[in-house]
Amino acid sequence: MAAASSVWIAKVVLGIGIRTTRVIRTIKEDEVYFNDYEDLAMAQRSIQHFIEDVYQTKWIHSALGYLTPTEFEAAHVRQLVA
């Protein structure tokens, strides 16, 4: 039983790590590398804009059934209410 639990924990932890790494890679490849920020504040604003206005609302994800995160979350809330 303990071995099965360890495997499950490893899969969960590794899965989260892989997804997090992919998000960071996407932000770097599609936002950071294409911009020359004047200062840290500008970088923070630009990255926040990318995450909130592009990645969350326009970027479809195969893991979410080819929906954007915003669409996926809305569908999940509708399913909980129904």
C-alpha atoms as a PDB file:
ATOM      1  CA  MET A   1       0.000   0.000   0.000  1.00  0.00           C
ATOM      2  CA  ALA A   2       2.781   2.415   0.866  1.00  0.00           C
ATOM      3  CA  ALA A   3       4.483   1.793  -2.481  1.00  0.00           C
ATOM      4  CA  ALA A   4       1.282   2.553  -4.377  1.00  0.00           C
ATOM      5  CA  SER A   5       0.837   5.755  -2.396  1.00  0.00           C
ATOM      6  CA  SER A   6       4.420   6.777  -3.149  1.00  0.00           C
ATOM      7  CA  VAL A   7       3.892   6.198  -6.858  1.00  0.00           C
ATOM      8  CA  TRP A   8       0.675   8.219  -6.819  1.00  0.00           C
ATOM      9  CA  ILE A   9       2.358  11.080  -4.954  1.00  0.00           C
ATOM     10  CA  ALA A  10       5.287  11.022  -7.381  1.00  0.00           C
ATOM     11  CA  LYS A  11       2.941  11.182 -10.365  1.00  0.00           C
ATOM     12  CA  VAL A  12       0.987  14.062  -8.895  1.00  0.00           C
ATOM     13  CA  VAL A  13       4.094  16.004  -7.907  1.00  0.00           C
ATOM     14  CA  LEU A  14       5.865  15.349 -11.194  1.00  0.00           C
ATOM     15  CA  GLY A  15       2.746  16.158 -13.202  1.00  0.00           C
ATOM     16  CA  ILE A  16       2.325  19.491 -11.491  1.00  0.00           C
ATOM     17  CA  GLY A  17       6.003  20.249 -11.993  1.00  0.00           C
ATOM     18  CA  ILE A  18       5.837  19.440 -15.683  1.00  0.00           C
ATOM     19  CA  ARG A  19       2.770  21.631 -16.243  1.00  0.00           C
ATOM     20  CA  THR A  20       4.297  24.503 -14.305  1.00  0.00           C
ATOM     21  CA  THR A  21       7.515  24.248 -16.282  1.00  0.00           C
ATOM     22  CA  ARG A  22       5.540  24.331 -19.540  1.00  0.00           C
ATOM     23  CA  VAL A  23       3.650  27.478 -18.529  1.00  0.00           C
ATOM     24  CA  ILE A  24       6.881  29.244 -17.636  1.00  0.00           C
ATOM     25  CA  ARG A  25       8.429  28.136 -20.924  1.00  0.00           C
ATOM     26  CA  THR A  26       5.446  29.494 -22.863  1.00  0.00           C
ATOM     27  CA  ILE A  27       5.662  32.846 -21.080  1.00  0.00           C
ATOM     28  CA  LYS A  28       9.371  33.097 -21.773  1.00  0.00           C
ATOM     29  CA  GLU A  29       9.145  32.018 -25.421  1.00  0.00           C
ATOM     30  CA  ASP A  30       6.085  34.052 -26.363  1.00  0.00           C
ATOM     31  CA  GLU A  31       6.417  37.148 -24.199  1.00  0.00           C
ATOM     32  CA  VAL A  32       9.790  37.661 -22.556  1.00  0.00           C
ATOM     33  CA  TYR A  33      12.121  36.768 -25.441  1.00  0.00           C
ATOM     34  CA  PHE A  34      10.266  39.083 -27.854  1.00  0.00           C
ATOM     35  CA  ASN A  35      10.458  42.187 -25.668  1.00  0.00           C
ATOM     36  CA  ASP A  36      13.149  44.535 -24.475  1.00  0.00           C
ATOM     37  CA  TYR A  37      11.840  45.818 -21.149  1.00  0.00           C
ATOM     38  CA  GLU A  38      13.031  49.210 -19.934  1.00  0.00           C
ATOM     39  CA  ASP A  39      12.772  48.244 -16.264  1.00  0.00           C
ATOM     40  CA  LEU A  40      11.379  45.649 -13.878  1.00  0.00           C
ATOM     41  CA  ALA A  41       8.020  47.419 -13.560  1.00  0.00           C
ATOM     42  CA  MET A  42       7.525  47.329 -17.335  1.00  0.00           C
ATOM     43  CA  ALA A  43       8.450  43.635 -17.412  1.00  0.00           C
ATOM     44  CA  GLN A  44       5.955  42.881 -14.646  1.00  0.00           C
ATOM     45  CA  ARG A  45       3.157  44.786 -16.410  1.00  0.00           C
ATOM     46  CA  SER A  46       3.863  43.135 -19.762  1.00  0.00           C
ATOM     47  CA  ILE A  47       4.055  39.621 -18.331  1.00  0.00           C
ATOM     48  CA  GLN A  48       0.906  40.180 -16.269  1.00  0.00           C
ATOM     49  CA  HIS A  49      -0.885  41.412 -19.410  1.00  0.00           C
ATOM     50  CA  PHE A  50       0.298  38.353 -21.337  1.00  0.00           C
ATOM     51  CA  ILE A  51      -0.925  35.956 -18.649  1.00  0.00           C
ATOM     52  CA  GLU A  52      -4.286  37.634 -18.017  1.00  0.00           C
ATOM     53  CA  ASP A  53      -5.208  38.854 -21.498  1.00  0.00           C
ATOM     54  CA  VAL A  54      -3.515  36.364 -23.808  1.00  0.00           C
ATOM     55  CA  TYR A  55      -2.639  33.096 -22.058  1.00  0.00           C
ATOM     56  CA  GLN A  56      -5.850  32.874 -20.005  1.00  0.00           C
ATOM     57  CA  THR A  57      -8.327  34.106 -22.615  1.00  0.00           C
ATOM     58  CA  LYS A  58      -6.920  33.345 -26.078  1.00  0.00           C
ATOM     59  CA  TRP A  59      -4.474  30.437 -25.680  1.00  0.00           C
ATOM     60  CA  ILE A  60      -6.191  27.065 -26.176  1.00  0.00           C
ATOM     61  CA  HIS A  61      -4.836  24.066 -24.290  1.00  0.00           C
ATOM     62  CA  SER A  62      -5.079  20.447 -25.416  1.00  0.00           C
ATOM     63  CA  ALA A  63      -5.135  19.320 -21.764  1.00  0.00           C
ATOM     64  CA  LEU A  64      -8.284  21.433 -21.267  1.00  0.00           C
ATOM     65  CA  GLY A  65     -10.129  19.972 -24.237  1.00  0.00           C
ATOM     66  CA  TYR A  66      -8.910  22.731 -26.580  1.00  0.00           C
ATOM     67  CA  LEU A  67     -10.464  25.452 -24.467  1.00  0.00           C
ATOM     68  CA  THR A  68      -8.815  28.494 -22.986  1.00  0.00           C
ATOM     69  CA  PRO A  69      -8.339  28.416 -19.204  1.00  0.00           C
ATOM     70  CA  THR A  70     -11.116  31.009 -18.857  1.00  0.00           C
ATOM     71  CA  GLU A  71     -13.528  28.903 -20.939  1.00  0.00           C
ATOM     72  CA  PHE A  72     -12.569  25.755 -19.045  1.00  0.00           C
ATOM     73  CA  GLU A  73     -13.146  27.412 -15.681  1.00  0.00           C
ATOM     74  CA  ALA A  74     -16.528  28.802 -16.795  1.00  0.00           C
ATOM     75  CA  ALA A  75     -17.598  25.343 -18.028  1.00  0.00           C
ATOM     76  CA  HIS A  76     -16.513  23.830 -14.721  1.00  0.00           C
ATOM     77  CA  VAL A  77     -18.524  26.381 -12.735  1.00  0.00           C
ATOM     78  CA  ARG A  78     -21.595  25.766 -14.934  1.00  0.00           C
ATOM     79  CA  GLN A  79     -21.221  22.035 -14.332  1.00  0.00           C
ATOM     80  CA  LEU A  80     -21.039  22.546 -10.565  1.00  0.00           C
ATOM     81  CA  VAL A  81     -24.142  24.748 -10.572  1.00  0.00           C
ATOM     82  CA  ALA A  82     -26.169  22.393 -12.785  1.00  0.00           C
END
